[in-house]
Protein backbone atom coordinates (compact mmCIF):
# COMPACT_ATOMS: atom_id res chain seq x y z
CA MET A 1 11.71 3.07 -3.40
CA THR A 2 10.38 3.46 -0.10
CA ARG A 3 11.00 1.06 2.90
CA GLN A 4 7.41 -0.03 4.37
CA VAL A 5 6.62 -2.09 7.38
CA LEU A 6 3.66 -4.31 8.16
CA GLY A 7 2.77 -5.35 11.64
CA TRP A 8 0.21 -8.00 12.93
CA PHE A 9 -0.95 -7.50 16.26
CA ALA A 10 -2.64 -9.65 18.84
CA PRO A 11 -6.17 -8.16 19.59
CA ARG A 12 -7.31 -7.79 23.29
CA GLU A 13 -10.88 -8.58 22.09
CA PRO A 14 -10.35 -11.01 19.36
CA GLN A 15 -14.19 -11.13 18.44
CA GLN A 16 -14.16 -7.70 17.58
CA PHE A 17 -11.59 -7.67 14.94
CA ALA A 18 -12.79 -10.80 13.29
CA PRO A 19 -13.61 -10.74 9.41
CA GLY A 20 -17.27 -9.92 9.23
CA ARG A 21 -17.23 -7.91 12.23
CA PHE A 22 -13.90 -5.66 11.60
CA PRO A 23 -13.60 -4.00 8.02
CA VAL A 24 -10.57 -3.32 5.91
CA PHE A 25 -9.73 0.28 6.90
CA LEU A 26 -7.68 3.56 6.03
CA LEU A 27 -7.51 5.78 9.11
CA GLU A 28 -6.03 9.30 8.69
CA SER A 29 -5.10 11.06 11.94
CA ARG A 30 -2.45 13.39 13.24
CA HIS A 31 -0.47 10.21 13.51
CA GLY A 32 -0.32 9.68 9.86
CA VAL A 33 -2.05 7.30 7.30
CA HIS A 34 -2.73 3.92 8.67
CA TYR A 35 -4.47 0.98 6.95
CA GLY A 36 -5.20 -2.57 8.02
CA PHE A 37 -7.28 -5.64 7.77
CA PRO A 38 -9.27 -7.97 10.05
CA ALA A 39 -7.70 -10.45 12.32
CA ASP A 40 -6.95 -13.68 10.02
CA GLY A 41 -6.89 -16.45 12.62
CA ALA A 42 -3.63 -16.63 14.74
CA ALA A 43 -2.00 -14.04 12.34
CA GLY A 44 -3.64 -11.16 14.09
CA VAL A 45 -5.07 -7.65 13.06
CA LYS A 46 -2.70 -6.43 10.04
CA ILE A 47 -1.55 -2.74 10.52
CA ALA A 48 0.61 -0.44 8.51
CA LYS A 49 1.45 2.97 8.04
CA HIS A 50 1.54 4.49 4.70
CA HIS A 51 5.05 6.19 3.98
CA HIS A 52 5.95 4.36 7.23
CA ARG A 53 8.91 6.44 8.27
CA ASP A 54 9.41 8.06 4.65
CA GLU A 55 12.80 6.25 3.90
CA THR A 56 13.96 6.11 0.44
CA VAL A 57 16.17 3.18 0.15
CA ASP A 58 18.36 1.10 -2.05
CA PRO A 59 16.32 -1.75 -2.94
CA GLU A 60 19.52 -4.03 -2.78
CA HIS A 61 20.84 -2.84 0.29
CA TYR A 62 17.91 -1.81 2.96
CA GLN A 63 17.01 -2.66 6.69
CA ARG A 64 14.89 -5.72 6.55
CA ILE A 65 14.76 -6.41 9.97
CA VAL A 66 11.87 -4.46 11.67
CA THR A 67 13.02 -2.44 14.62
CA PRO A 68 11.59 -0.91 17.83
CA ALA A 69 11.48 2.50 16.08
CA ASP A 70 9.42 0.89 13.41
CA GLY A 71 6.83 -0.46 15.82
CA ALA A 72 6.41 2.76 17.40
CA ALA A 73 5.30 4.22 14.44
CA PHE A 74 2.00 2.16 14.75
CA ARG A 75 1.68 2.40 18.47
CA SER A 76 0.41 5.81 18.69
CA ALA A 77 -2.28 5.56 16.08
CA ILE A 78 -3.30 2.14 17.55
CA GLU A 79 -3.35 3.37 20.97
CA GLN A 80 -5.54 6.44 20.46
CA HIS A 81 -8.03 4.79 17.52
CA LEU A 82 -8.16 1.01 17.94
CA PRO A 83 -7.02 0.24 21.72
CA GLY A 84 -8.65 -3.18 21.37
CA ALA A 85 -6.04 -3.92 18.83
CA ASN A 86 -3.05 -2.74 20.82
CA GLY A 87 -1.88 -6.21 21.89
CA PRO A 88 1.68 -7.77 21.31
CA MET A 89 3.07 -7.54 17.82
CA LEU A 90 2.96 -11.06 16.78
CA SER A 91 5.10 -10.69 13.46
CA SER A 92 6.23 -8.02 11.06
CA MET A 93 7.79 -7.94 7.91
CA THR A 94 9.19 -5.07 5.51
CA CYS A 95 8.34 -4.50 1.81
CA LEU A 96 9.05 -1.73 -0.78
CA TYR A 97 7.05 0.66 -2.44
CA THR A 98 7.56 2.09 -5.82
CA LEU A 99 6.14 5.52 -6.62
CA THR A 100 6.33 7.99 -9.25
CA PRO A 101 7.29 11.55 -8.29
CA ASP A 102 3.58 12.72 -8.12
CA GLU A 103 2.43 9.33 -6.46
CA HIS A 104 0.07 8.41 -9.45
CA PHE A 105 0.14 5.63 -11.88
CA ILE A 106 1.58 5.58 -15.02
CA LEU A 107 -0.87 3.98 -17.79
CA ASP A 108 0.10 4.80 -21.30
CA ARG A 109 1.46 3.87 -24.55
CA LEU A 110 5.11 4.65 -25.43
CA PRO A 111 5.02 7.87 -27.64
CA GLU A 112 7.92 7.00 -30.00
CA HIS A 113 6.73 3.18 -30.06
CA PRO A 114 2.87 3.05 -29.73
CA GLN A 115 2.82 -0.83 -29.75
CA ILE A 116 4.31 -0.76 -26.46
CA VAL A 117 2.03 -0.24 -23.38
CA ILE A 118 3.82 0.85 -20.29
CA ALA A 119 2.55 0.69 -16.74
CA SER A 120 3.56 1.52 -13.33
CA PRO A 121 0.65 0.88 -10.89
CA CYS A 122 3.12 1.32 -8.02
CA SER A 123 3.27 -1.96 -5.52
CA GLY A 124 1.02 -1.37 -2.68
CA HIS A 125 -0.75 1.42 -3.77
CA GLY A 126 -1.66 -0.26 -7.20
CA PHE A 127 -2.52 -3.63 -5.65
CA LYS A 128 -5.97 -2.13 -4.92
CA PHE A 129 -6.79 -1.41 -8.29
CA ALA A 130 -5.62 -4.38 -10.31
CA PRO A 131 -8.84 -5.08 -12.06
CA VAL A 132 -9.39 -1.77 -13.33
CA VAL A 133 -5.45 -1.07 -14.19
CA GLY A 134 -5.68 -4.80 -15.91
CA ALA A 135 -8.86 -3.73 -17.98
CA ILE A 136 -7.02 -0.54 -18.93
CA LEU A 137 -3.87 -2.17 -19.99
CA ALA A 138 -5.83 -4.88 -21.98
CA ASP A 139 -8.07 -1.92 -23.92
CA LEU A 140 -4.75 -0.27 -24.68
CA ALA A 141 -2.85 -3.55 -25.85
CA THR A 142 -5.80 -4.79 -27.87
CA GLU A 143 -7.57 -1.76 -29.36
CA GLY A 144 -4.99 0.89 -28.87
CA THR A 145 -7.02 3.14 -26.55
CA THR A 146 -9.58 3.03 -23.65
CA SER A 147 -12.94 4.48 -22.72
CA ARG A 148 -11.57 5.25 -19.20
CA ASP A 149 -10.12 8.75 -18.86
CA ILE A 150 -6.43 8.00 -18.10
CA SER A 151 -5.23 11.58 -18.56
CA ARG A 152 -3.59 12.20 -15.29
CA PHE A 153 -1.72 8.73 -15.74
CA ARG A 154 -0.05 9.67 -18.99
CA LEU A 155 3.67 9.54 -19.23
CA SER A 156 3.65 12.96 -20.88
CA ARG A 157 3.06 14.71 -17.53
CA PHE A 158 6.59 14.27 -16.65
CA ALA A 159 8.20 16.05 -19.60
């Protein structure tokens, strides 16, 4: 599991970051991969860095408090690419990502027990794909197969 940090920032120009004016975004730059969402009322603009600080952690014992170093992981990208969103951090939180070794999902049937469908859509990453992952799992559970190409998500790739 990896530790992720999310931050909500007070935009300097709130109207520019309102839903309908500012999109959900994914930004890849020399600062890493950042993503975010428009300002949702007083919550501010949500911004996070994918693979925040590449911290592999024990889910039972990890730093849940957001530190100044965590905030710094956002600032360079915000300053350069979203200066209007570079206001004070209003709130922050941590969460955990689960990832397979190749960072792709597992969507398959258990070979020795084909009546069991297994899935690891991996937390934050998989949430974006919930509708199609759900449809694939429903197909596997009810039909035993799916019309979608899931070859890259087979468990056998780790054998």
